[in-house]
C-alpha atoms as a PDB file:
ATOM      1  CA  MET A   1       2.830  17.025 -16.998  1.00  0.00           C
ATOM      2  CA  ASN A   2       0.681  18.681 -14.326  1.00  0.00           C
ATOM      3  CA  ILE A   3       0.089  15.999 -11.699  1.00  0.00           C
ATOM      4  CA  GLY A   4      -1.636  16.125  -8.323  1.00  0.00           C
ATOM      5  CA  PHE A   5      -0.913  13.946  -5.310  1.00  0.00           C
ATOM      6  CA  VAL A   6      -3.298  13.595  -2.371  1.00  0.00           C
ATOM      7  CA  GLY A   7      -2.125  11.711   0.722  1.00  0.00           C
ATOM      8  CA  LEU A   8       1.477  12.152   1.818  1.00  0.00           C
ATOM      9  CA  GLY A   9       2.123   9.294   4.198  1.00  0.00           C
ATOM     10  CA  ALA A  10       5.284   7.225   3.864  1.00  0.00           C
ATOM     11  CA  MET A  11       4.324   5.783   0.479  1.00  0.00           C
ATOM     12  CA  GLY A  12       2.725   8.947  -0.848  1.00  0.00           C
ATOM     13  CA  GLN A  13       5.764  11.014   0.128  1.00  0.00           C
ATOM     14  CA  ALA A  14       8.140   8.690  -1.682  1.00  0.00           C
ATOM     15  CA  MET A  15       5.978   8.513  -4.804  1.00  0.00           C
ATOM     16  CA  ALA A  16       5.535  12.287  -4.879  1.00  0.00           C
ATOM     17  CA  HIS A  17       9.290  12.877  -4.569  1.00  0.00           C
ATOM     18  CA  ARG A  18       9.804  10.475  -7.455  1.00  0.00           C
ATOM     19  CA  LEU A  19       7.411  12.456  -9.652  1.00  0.00           C
ATOM     20  CA  ILE A  20       9.204  15.724  -8.884  1.00  0.00           C
ATOM     21  CA  ALA A  21      12.572  14.119  -9.645  1.00  0.00           C
ATOM     22  CA  ALA A  22      11.187  13.020 -13.017  1.00  0.00           C
ATOM     23  CA  GLY A  23      10.413  16.636 -13.887  1.00  0.00           C
ATOM     24  CA  HIS A  24       6.648  16.692 -13.446  1.00  0.00           C
ATOM     25  CA  ASP A  25       4.893  19.822 -12.213  1.00  0.00           C
ATOM     26  CA  LEU A  26       3.494  18.501  -8.937  1.00  0.00           C
ATOM     27  CA  HIS A  27       0.588  19.819  -6.871  1.00  0.00           C
ATOM     28  CA  VAL A  28       0.066  18.325  -3.408  1.00  0.00           C
ATOM     29  CA  TRP A  29      -2.482  18.206  -0.608  1.00  0.00           C
ATOM     30  CA  ASN A  30      -2.456  16.447   2.765  1.00  0.00           C
ATOM     31  CA  ARG A  31      -4.624  16.723   5.863  1.00  0.00           C
ATOM     32  CA  THR A  32      -1.477  17.394   7.926  1.00  0.00           C
ATOM     33  CA  ARG A  33       0.022  20.243   5.940  1.00  0.00           C
ATOM     34  CA  SER A  34       3.487  19.939   7.448  1.00  0.00           C
ATOM     35  CA  LYS A  35       3.948  16.642   5.579  1.00  0.00           C
ATOM     36  CA  ALA A  36       3.973  18.661   2.356  1.00  0.00           C
ATOM     37  CA  ASP A  37       6.809  20.971   3.460  1.00  0.00           C
ATOM     38  CA  ALA A  38       9.682  18.931   2.000  1.00  0.00           C
ATOM     39  CA  LEU A  39       7.867  18.619  -1.321  1.00  0.00           C
ATOM     40  CA  VAL A  40       7.079  22.331  -1.456  1.00  0.00           C
ATOM     41  CA  ALA A  41      10.754  23.031  -0.789  1.00  0.00           C
ATOM     42  CA  GLN A  42      11.512  20.977  -3.893  1.00  0.00           C
ATOM     43  CA  GLY A  43       9.104  22.989  -6.009  1.00  0.00           C
ATOM     44  CA  ALA A  44       5.717  21.339  -5.488  1.00  0.00           C
ATOM     45  CA  HIS A  45       2.626  23.573  -5.322  1.00  0.00           C
ATOM     46  CA  LEU A  46       0.465  23.296  -2.199  1.00  0.00           C
ATOM     47  CA  ALA A  47      -3.308  23.215  -2.739  1.00  0.00           C
ATOM     48  CA  ARG A  48      -5.786  24.351  -0.096  1.00  0.00           C
ATOM     49  CA  THR A  49      -8.245  21.519  -0.809  1.00  0.00           C
ATOM     50  CA  PRO A  50      -8.381  18.311  -2.858  1.00  0.00           C
ATOM     51  CA  ALA A  51     -10.904  20.026  -5.145  1.00  0.00           C
ATOM     52  CA  GLU A  52      -8.552  22.912  -5.837  1.00  0.00           C
ATOM     53  CA  LEU A  53      -5.741  20.478  -6.559  1.00  0.00           C
ATOM     54  CA  ALA A  54      -7.877  18.414  -8.956  1.00  0.00           C
ATOM     55  CA  SER A  55      -8.919  21.534 -10.846  1.00  0.00           C
ATOM     56  CA  ARG A  56      -5.269  22.357 -11.647  1.00  0.00           C
ATOM     57  CA  VAL A  57      -4.001  19.032 -12.968  1.00  0.00           C
ATOM     58  CA  GLU A  58      -4.384  16.443 -15.705  1.00  0.00           C
ATOM     59  CA  ILE A  59      -3.954  13.456 -13.387  1.00  0.00           C
ATOM     60  CA  VAL A  60      -4.560  13.278  -9.647  1.00  0.00           C
ATOM     61  CA  PHE A  61      -3.180  10.407  -7.574  1.00  0.00           C
ATOM     62  CA  SER A  62      -4.583   9.481  -4.181  1.00  0.00           C
ATOM     63  CA  MET A  63      -2.804   7.305  -1.609  1.00  0.00           C
ATOM     64  CA  LEU A  64      -4.897   7.369   1.551  1.00  0.00           C
ATOM     65  CA  PHE A  65      -5.038   5.156   4.631  1.00  0.00           C
ATOM     66  CA  ASP A  66      -8.511   3.645   4.616  1.00  0.00           C
ATOM     67  CA  ASP A  67     -12.025   3.539   3.182  1.00  0.00           C
ATOM     68  CA  ALA A  68     -13.444   6.408   5.234  1.00  0.00           C
ATOM     69  CA  THR A  69     -10.604   8.802   4.415  1.00  0.00           C
ATOM     70  CA  THR A  70     -10.730   7.882   0.737  1.00  0.00           C
ATOM     71  CA  GLU A  71     -14.483   8.442   0.574  1.00  0.00           C
ATOM     72  CA  ALA A  72     -14.289  11.814   2.308  1.00  0.00           C
ATOM     73  CA  VAL A  73     -11.344  13.132   0.320  1.00  0.00           C
ATOM     74  CA  THR A  74     -12.817  11.960  -2.986  1.00  0.00           C
ATOM     75  CA  PHE A  75     -16.529  12.722  -2.701  1.00  0.00           C
ATOM     76  CA  GLY A  76     -16.822  14.924   0.384  1.00  0.00           C
ATOM     77  CA  GLU A  77     -16.999  18.689   0.565  1.00  0.00           C
ATOM     78  CA  ASP A  78     -14.109  20.144  -1.464  1.00  0.00           C
ATOM     79  CA  GLY A  79     -13.191  16.602  -2.525  1.00  0.00           C
ATOM     80  CA  ILE A  80     -11.349  15.474  -5.621  1.00  0.00           C
ATOM     81  CA  ALA A  81     -14.545  14.809  -7.586  1.00  0.00           C
ATOM     82  CA  GLN A  82     -15.756  18.384  -7.077  1.00  0.00           C
ATOM     83  CA  GLY A  83     -12.662  19.817  -8.719  1.00  0.00           C
ATOM     84  CA  MET A  84     -11.964  17.383 -11.567  1.00  0.00           C
ATOM     85  CA  THR A  85     -12.090  18.834 -15.045  1.00  0.00           C
ATOM     86  CA  ASP A  86     -13.731  17.114 -18.022  1.00  0.00           C
ATOM     87  CA  THR A  87     -10.308  15.841 -19.088  1.00  0.00           C
ATOM     88  CA  GLY A  88      -9.066  14.907 -15.624  1.00  0.00           C
ATOM     89  CA  LEU A  89      -8.162  11.400 -14.480  1.00  0.00           C
ATOM     90  CA  HIS A  90      -8.210  10.124 -10.892  1.00  0.00           C
ATOM     91  CA  ILE A  91      -5.802   7.269 -10.114  1.00  0.00           C
ATOM     92  CA  CYS A  92      -6.349   5.712  -6.694  1.00  0.00           C
ATOM     93  CA  CYS A  93      -3.426   3.715  -5.264  1.00  0.00           C
ATOM     94  CA  SER A  94      -4.951   3.056  -1.824  1.00  0.00           C
ATOM     95  CA  THR A  95      -5.567  -0.438  -0.465  1.00  0.00           C
ATOM     96  CA  LEU A  96      -9.336  -0.526  -0.036  1.00  0.00           C
ATOM     97  CA  SER A  97     -12.256  -2.840   0.622  1.00  0.00           C
ATOM     98  CA  LEU A  98     -14.182  -4.043  -2.407  1.00  0.00           C
ATOM     99  CA  ALA A  99     -17.184  -2.014  -1.259  1.00  0.00           C
ATOM    100  CA  GLN A 100     -15.171   1.218  -1.209  1.00  0.00           C
ATOM    101  CA  ALA A 101     -13.494   0.341  -4.504  1.00  0.00           C
ATOM    102  CA  ARG A 102     -16.938   0.037  -6.066  1.00  0.00           C
ATOM    103  CA  ARG A 103     -18.026   3.351  -4.557  1.00  0.00           C
ATOM    104  CA  LEU A 104     -15.070   5.052  -6.217  1.00  0.00           C
ATOM    105  CA  ARG A 105     -15.760   3.419  -9.571  1.00  0.00           C
ATOM    106  CA  ASP A 106     -19.493   4.091  -9.511  1.00  0.00           C
ATOM    107  CA  GLY A 107     -19.231   7.578  -8.020  1.00  0.00           C
ATOM    108  CA  HIS A 108     -16.893   8.762 -10.756  1.00  0.00           C
ATOM    109  CA  ASP A 109     -18.946   7.013 -13.447  1.00  0.00           C
ATOM    110  CA  ALA A 110     -22.092   8.789 -12.242  1.00  0.00           C
ATOM    111  CA  ARG A 111     -20.285  12.116 -12.592  1.00  0.00           C
ATOM    112  CA  GLY A 112     -18.896  11.264 -16.033  1.00  0.00           C
ATOM    113  CA  GLN A 113     -15.332  11.321 -14.665  1.00  0.00           C
ATOM    114  CA  ALA A 114     -12.359   9.162 -15.632  1.00  0.00           C
ATOM    115  CA  TYR A 115     -11.023   6.820 -12.968  1.00  0.00           C
ATOM    116  CA  ILE A 116      -8.652   3.845 -12.687  1.00  0.00           C
ATOM    117  CA  SER A 117      -7.211   1.871  -9.807  1.00  0.00           C
ATOM    118  CA  ALA A 118      -3.420   1.465  -9.700  1.00  0.00           C
ATOM    119  CA  ASN A 119      -2.389  -0.434  -6.586  1.00  0.00           C
ATOM    120  CA  VAL A 120       1.285  -0.827  -5.826  1.00  0.00           C
ATOM    121  CA  LEU A 121       3.521  -3.519  -4.375  1.00  0.00           C
ATOM    122  CA  GLY A 122       6.639  -2.360  -2.563  1.00  0.00           C
ATOM    123  CA  ARG A 123       7.779  -0.401   0.457  1.00  0.00           C
ATOM    124  CA  PRO A 124       8.742   3.310   0.538  1.00  0.00           C
ATOM    125  CA  PRO A 125      12.352   2.740  -0.619  1.00  0.00           C
ATOM    126  CA  ALA A 126      11.023   1.048  -3.767  1.00  0.00           C
ATOM    127  CA  ALA A 127       8.652   3.965  -4.310  1.00  0.00           C
ATOM    128  CA  ALA A 128      11.528   6.421  -3.946  1.00  0.00           C
ATOM    129  CA  ASP A 129      13.644   4.762  -6.612  1.00  0.00           C
ATOM    130  CA  GLY A 130      10.811   3.908  -8.995  1.00  0.00           C
ATOM    131  CA  THR A 131      10.898   0.132  -8.602  1.00  0.00           C
ATOM    132  CA  LEU A 132       7.345  -0.509  -7.428  1.00  0.00           C
ATOM    133  CA  TYR A 133       5.188  -3.134  -9.116  1.00  0.00           C
ATOM    134  CA  ILE A 134       1.947  -1.530 -10.279  1.00  0.00           C
ATOM    135  CA  ILE A 135      -1.363  -3.394 -10.623  1.00  0.00           C
ATOM    136  CA  ALA A 136      -3.765  -1.387 -12.783  1.00  0.00           C
ATOM    137  CA  ALA A 137      -7.388  -1.895 -13.771  1.00  0.00           C
ATOM    138  CA  GLY A 138      -9.806   0.300 -15.690  1.00  0.00           C
ATOM    139  CA  LYS A 139     -10.661   1.230 -19.230  1.00  0.00           C
ATOM    140  CA  PRO A 140      -7.652   0.450 -21.469  1.00  0.00           C
ATOM    141  CA  GLU A 141      -7.478   3.952 -22.950  1.00  0.00           C
ATOM    142  CA  ARG A 142      -7.306   5.447 -19.456  1.00  0.00           C
ATOM    143  CA  ILE A 143      -4.498   3.122 -18.406  1.00  0.00           C
ATOM    144  CA  ALA A 144      -2.664   3.937 -21.645  1.00  0.00           C
ATOM    145  CA  ARG A 145      -2.990   7.636 -20.861  1.00  0.00           C
ATOM    146  CA  ALA A 146      -1.537   7.096 -17.383  1.00  0.00           C
ATOM    147  CA  GLU A 147       1.182   4.683 -18.485  1.00  0.00           C
ATOM    148  CA  PRO A 148       4.036   7.201 -18.929  1.00  0.00           C
ATOM    149  CA  VAL A 149       3.539   8.426 -15.355  1.00  0.00           C
ATOM    150  CA  LEU A 150       3.054   4.940 -13.934  1.00  0.00           C
ATOM    151  CA  ASP A 151       6.270   3.863 -15.673  1.00  0.00           C
ATOM    152  CA  CYS A 152       8.038   6.602 -13.737  1.00  0.00           C
ATOM    153  CA  LEU A 153       6.838   5.094 -10.452  1.00  0.00           C
ATOM    154  CA  GLY A 154       7.276   1.391 -11.123  1.00  0.00           C
ATOM    155  CA  GLN A 155       9.434  -1.165 -12.858  1.00  0.00           C
ATOM    156  CA  THR A 156       6.518  -3.260 -14.109  1.00  0.00           C
ATOM    157  CA  LEU A 157       2.924  -2.400 -14.942  1.00  0.00           C
ATOM    158  CA  PHE A 158       0.409  -5.252 -14.753  1.00  0.00           C
ATOM    159  CA  ARG A 159      -3.018  -4.761 -16.356  1.00  0.00           C
ATOM    160  CA  VAL A 160      -5.572  -7.029 -14.683  1.00  0.00           C
ATOM    161  CA  GLY A 161      -8.901  -6.003 -16.224  1.00  0.00           C
ATOM    162  CA  GLU A 162     -11.310  -3.241 -17.188  1.00  0.00           C
ATOM    163  CA  ASP A 163     -13.114  -3.088 -13.837  1.00  0.00           C
ATOM    164  CA  PRO A 164     -11.025  -0.969 -11.424  1.00  0.00           C
ATOM    165  CA  VAL A 165     -12.132  -3.194  -8.534  1.00  0.00           C
ATOM    166  CA  GLN A 166     -10.130  -6.081  -9.986  1.00  0.00           C
ATOM    167  CA  ALA A 167      -6.869  -4.333  -9.080  1.00  0.00           C
ATOM    168  CA  ASN A 168      -8.054  -3.812  -5.507  1.00  0.00           C
ATOM    169  CA  LEU A 169      -8.787  -7.506  -5.038  1.00  0.00           C
ATOM    170  CA  VAL A 170      -5.432  -8.545  -6.529  1.00  0.00           C
ATOM    171  CA  LYS A 171      -3.665  -6.159  -4.119  1.00  0.00           C
ATOM    172  CA  LEU A 172      -5.526  -7.539  -1.090  1.00  0.00           C
ATOM    173  CA  SER A 173      -4.682 -11.056  -2.245  1.00  0.00           C
ATOM    174  CA  LEU A 174      -0.975 -10.362  -2.617  1.00  0.00           C
ATOM    175  CA  ASN A 175      -0.820  -8.520   0.711  1.00  0.00           C
ATOM    176  CA  PHE A 176      -2.279 -11.656   2.280  1.00  0.00           C
ATOM    177  CA  MET A 177       0.612 -13.612   0.756  1.00  0.00           C
ATOM    178  CA  ILE A 178       3.074 -11.188   2.371  1.00  0.00           C
ATOM    179  CA  TYR A 179       1.573 -11.734   5.832  1.00  0.00           C
ATOM    180  CA  THR A 180       1.501 -15.514   5.487  1.00  0.00           C
ATOM    181  CA  THR A 181       5.122 -15.478   4.283  1.00  0.00           C
ATOM    182  CA  ILE A 182       6.050 -13.510   7.412  1.00  0.00           C
ATOM    183  CA  GLU A 183       4.233 -16.128   9.486  1.00  0.00           C
ATOM    184  CA  GLN A 184       6.154 -18.943   7.779  1.00  0.00           C
ATOM    185  CA  MET A 185       9.511 -17.250   8.320  1.00  0.00           C
ATOM    186  CA  ALA A 186       8.696 -16.400  11.931  1.00  0.00           C
ATOM    187  CA  GLU A 187       7.875 -20.035  12.676  1.00  0.00           C
ATOM    188  CA  ILE A 188      11.036 -21.451  11.080  1.00  0.00           C
ATOM    189  CA  PHE A 189      13.297 -18.768  12.588  1.00  0.00           C
ATOM    190  CA  THR A 190      11.859 -19.439  16.045  1.00  0.00           C
ATOM    191  CA  LEU A 191      12.109 -23.222  15.789  1.00  0.00           C
ATOM    192  CA  ASN A 192      15.732 -23.036  14.650  1.00  0.00           C
ATOM    193  CA  GLU A 193      16.578 -20.424  17.290  1.00  0.00           C
ATOM    194  CA  LYS A 194      15.262 -22.736  20.027  1.00  0.00           C
ATOM    195  CA  PHE A 195      17.367 -25.569  18.622  1.00  0.00           C
ATOM    196  CA  GLY A 196      20.474 -23.389  18.702  1.00  0.00           C
ATOM    197  CA  THR A 197      20.807 -22.412  15.040  1.00  0.00           C
ATOM    198  CA  ASP A 198      21.209 -18.713  14.361  1.00  0.00           C
ATOM    199  CA  PRO A 199      18.161 -17.458  12.384  1.00  0.00           C
ATOM    200  CA  ALA A 200      20.574 -15.292  10.404  1.00  0.00           C
ATOM    201  CA  LYS A 201      22.160 -18.481   9.045  1.00  0.00           C
ATOM    202  CA  VAL A 202      18.731 -19.837   8.075  1.00  0.00           C
ATOM    203  CA  PHE A 203      18.035 -16.517   6.363  1.00  0.00           C
ATOM    204  CA  GLU A 204      21.344 -16.755   4.486  1.00  0.00           C
ATOM    205  CA  ILE A 205      20.496 -20.237   3.218  1.00  0.00           C
ATOM    206  CA  MET A 206      16.939 -19.234   2.295  1.00  0.00           C
ATOM    207  CA  THR A 207      17.858 -16.200   0.293  1.00  0.00           C
ATOM    208  CA  ASN A 208      20.758 -17.841  -1.521  1.00  0.00           C
ATOM    209  CA  SER A 209      18.855 -20.920  -2.625  1.00  0.00           C
ATOM    210  CA  PHE A 210      15.153 -21.313  -3.389  1.00  0.00           C
ATOM    211  CA  TYR A 211      13.718 -18.285  -1.583  1.00  0.00           C
ATOM    212  CA  THR A 212      15.142 -15.273  -3.380  1.00  0.00           C
ATOM    213  CA  ALA A 213      12.043 -13.105  -3.759  1.00  0.00           C
ATOM    214  CA  PRO A 214      12.039  -9.560  -2.323  1.00  0.00           C
ATOM    215  CA  VAL A 215       9.413 -10.585   0.238  1.00  0.00           C
ATOM    216  CA  HIS A 216      11.877 -13.118   1.706  1.00  0.00           C
ATOM    217  CA  ARG A 217      14.939 -10.902   1.435  1.00  0.00           C
ATOM    218  CA  ASN A 218      13.360  -7.675   2.688  1.00  0.00           C
ATOM    219  CA  TYR A 219      11.019  -8.881   5.413  1.00  0.00           C
ATOM    220  CA  GLY A 220      13.235 -11.782   6.438  1.00  0.00           C
ATOM    221  CA  GLY A 221      16.164  -9.408   6.823  1.00  0.00           C
ATOM    222  CA  LEU A 222      14.151  -7.198   9.149  1.00  0.00           C
ATOM    223  CA  MET A 223      13.040 -10.213  11.176  1.00  0.00           C
ATOM    224  CA  VAL A 224      16.478 -11.710  11.830  1.00  0.00           C
ATOM    225  CA  LYS A 225      17.640  -8.269  12.983  1.00  0.00           C
ATOM    226  CA  HIS A 226      14.500  -7.818  15.116  1.00  0.00           C
ATOM    227  CA  ASP A 227      14.122  -4.477  13.354  1.00  0.00           C
ATOM    228  CA  TYR A 228      10.528  -3.758  14.262  1.00  0.00           C
ATOM    229  CA  ASP A 229      10.616   0.006  14.670  1.00  0.00           C
ATOM    230  CA  HIS A 230      11.947   1.407  11.398  1.00  0.00           C
ATOM    231  CA  PRO A 231       9.516   3.578   9.381  1.00  0.00           C
ATOM    232  CA  GLY A 232       7.390   0.958   7.680  1.00  0.00           C
ATOM    233  CA  ALA A 233       3.925  -0.576   7.605  1.00  0.00           C
ATOM    234  CA  PRO A 234       2.310  -0.866  11.061  1.00  0.00           C
ATOM    235  CA  VAL A 235       0.379  -3.795  12.479  1.00  0.00           C
ATOM    236  CA  THR A 236      -2.826  -1.744  12.261  1.00  0.00           C
ATOM    237  CA  LEU A 237      -2.380  -1.505   8.487  1.00  0.00           C
ATOM    238  CA  GLY A 238      -1.886  -5.249   8.221  1.00  0.00           C
ATOM    239  CA  LEU A 239      -4.994  -5.894  10.292  1.00  0.00           C
ATOM    240  CA  LYS A 240      -7.027  -3.587   8.081  1.00  0.00           C
ATOM    241  CA  ASP A 241      -5.845  -5.406   4.954  1.00  0.00           C
ATOM    242  CA  ILE A 242      -6.542  -8.880   6.316  1.00  0.00           C
ATOM    243  CA  GLU A 243     -10.026  -7.931   7.480  1.00  0.00           C
ATOM    244  CA  MET A 244     -10.801  -6.565   4.000  1.00  0.00           C
ATOM    245  CA  PHE A 245      -9.438  -9.760   2.417  1.00  0.00           C
ATOM    246  CA  LEU A 246     -11.660 -11.851   4.692  1.00  0.00           C
ATOM    247  CA  GLY A 247     -14.581  -9.608   3.747  1.00  0.00           C
ATOM    248  CA  ALA A 248     -13.914 -10.275   0.065  1.00  0.00           C
ATOM    249  CA  GLY A 249     -13.874 -14.001   0.759  1.00  0.00           C
ATOM    250  CA  GLY A 250     -17.189 -13.783   2.565  1.00  0.00           C
ATOM    251  CA  GLU A 251     -18.718 -11.773  -0.267  1.00  0.00           C
ATOM    252  CA  GLN A 252     -17.621 -14.335  -2.848  1.00  0.00           C
ATOM    253  CA  GLY A 253     -18.345 -17.414  -0.733  1.00  0.00           C
ATOM    254  CA  VAL A 254     -14.677 -18.447  -0.557  1.00  0.00           C
ATOM    255  CA  PRO A 255     -13.427 -19.826   2.798  1.00  0.00           C
ATOM    256  CA  LEU A 256     -10.056 -18.343   3.810  1.00  0.00           C
ATOM    257  CA  PRO A 257      -8.895 -20.215   6.918  1.00  0.00           C
ATOM    258  CA  PHE A 258      -5.278 -19.008   6.776  1.00  0.00           C
ATOM    259  CA  ALA A 259      -6.500 -15.433   6.642  1.00  0.00           C
ATOM    260  CA  SER A 260      -8.387 -16.006   9.891  1.00  0.00           C
ATOM    261  CA  ILE A 261      -5.148 -17.194  11.514  1.00  0.00           C
ATOM    262  CA  MET A 262      -3.341 -14.080  10.310  1.00  0.00           C
ATOM    263  CA  ARG A 263      -6.103 -11.830  11.652  1.00  0.00           C
ATOM    264  CA  ASP A 264      -5.730 -13.447  15.068  1.00  0.00           C
ATOM    265  CA  ARG A 265      -1.936 -12.978  14.961  1.00  0.00           C
ATOM    266  CA  LEU A 266      -2.365  -9.289  14.158  1.00  0.00           C
ATOM    267  CA  ILE A 267      -5.010  -8.807  16.852  1.00  0.00           C
ATOM    268  CA  ALA A 268      -2.648 -10.449  19.354  1.00  0.00           C
ATOM    269  CA  SER A 269       0.075  -7.986  18.343  1.00  0.00           C
ATOM    270  CA  VAL A 270      -2.292  -5.078  18.905  1.00  0.00           C
ATOM    271  CA  GLY A 271      -3.181  -6.505  22.317  1.00  0.00           C
ATOM    272  CA  ALA A 272       0.513  -6.818  23.170  1.00  0.00           C
ATOM    273  CA  GLY A 273       1.022  -3.102  22.542  1.00  0.00           C
ATOM    274  CA  ASP A 274       2.675  -3.426  19.134  1.00  0.00           C
ATOM    275  CA  ALA A 275      -0.066  -1.766  17.072  1.00  0.00           C
ATOM    276  CA  GLU A 276       2.197   0.904  15.569  1.00  0.00           C
ATOM    277  CA  ARG A 277       5.296  -1.260  15.106  1.00  0.00           C
ATOM    278  CA  ASP A 278       6.094  -2.749  11.723  1.00  0.00           C
ATOM    279  CA  PHE A 279       4.051  -5.862  11.053  1.00  0.00           C
ATOM    280  CA  VAL A 280       7.187  -8.050  11.022  1.00  0.00           C
ATOM    281  CA  VAL A 281       6.789  -7.827  14.810  1.00  0.00           C
ATOM    282  CA  LEU A 282       4.376 -10.753  14.337  1.00  0.00           C
ATOM    283  CA  GLN A 283       7.514 -12.801  14.875  1.00  0.00           C
ATOM    284  CA  GLU A 284       7.500 -11.824  18.550  1.00  0.00           C
ATOM    285  CA  ARG A 285       4.147 -13.504  19.148  1.00  0.00           C
ATOM    286  CA  ILE A 286       5.626 -16.826  18.015  1.00  0.00           C
ATOM    287  CA  ARG A 287       8.886 -16.328  19.910  1.00  0.00           C
ATOM    288  CA  GLN A 288       7.084 -15.558  23.138  1.00  0.00           C
ATOM    289  CA  GLU A 289       4.654 -18.432  22.716  1.00  0.00           C
ATOM    290  CA  SER A 290       7.678 -20.694  22.437  1.00  0.00           C
ATOM    291  CA  GLY A 291       9.223 -19.353  25.648  1.00  0.00           C
ATOM    292  CA  LEU A 292      11.939 -17.187  24.137  1.00  0.00           C
ATOM    293  CA  ALA A 293      12.711 -13.825  25.685  1.00  0.00           C
ATOM    294  CA  PRO A 294      11.192 -10.857  23.834  1.00  0.00           C
ATOM    295  CA  ARG A 295      13.429  -8.628  21.720  1.00  0.00           C
END
């Protein structure tokens, strides 16, 4: 199948490589063109603009950092919407605010274009080996059309509704659960460390008893190793997600006190100079507050 991919950050790169490995004819575009070099070397076709890319393919994926970039690349000059054919389908995987998610839905609807949201759970290694969890929302026939490609990228496809915005809210909600789980683990690791128990032993007990989920195994493993600088998801990304989750709560009249705590933790990490480190570095705020030496 002719597929386009716009946005080649860590997640986009891994997903795009997966599509090439599955035998799809891939067309790519990224603002920093050098990020497409490895994909082009594998046979991907480089497009000059998102519009040109969209005009060549049946399905175009976008995985972009934030609302403003998504808006510009989709509806701006030479954007995806300008190049989509009558039979094209745009699948946005970006983590977005509800306001931007609605702009995507309504903007494509106004142009008579097909669109779904397909948010993903998982880090780049999961994207590379096709074991993401995919949360999709949109018209059922559009999701069915995309399903063979989504199955290539993920191990499970969850359909959450016919309004694409529903998938965006579920993704923000589950990201919030990741951050609060990191907070929980950071607090128990720090308390046990101060008492003289190796956090690695606590991690071993956790992940071989009740707490066996990937979020405990993957993030907890990074935390006990103090591995804050591997290629991952930076604090700035976490802060963006939490602020959008709080915005959704405000819009719907739902108080989210834990989310406010997590926002403050992330802001403190930015203030401490850790903005571009992986967001498991939140652990260091708790360790330092407790008097432990920084790692």
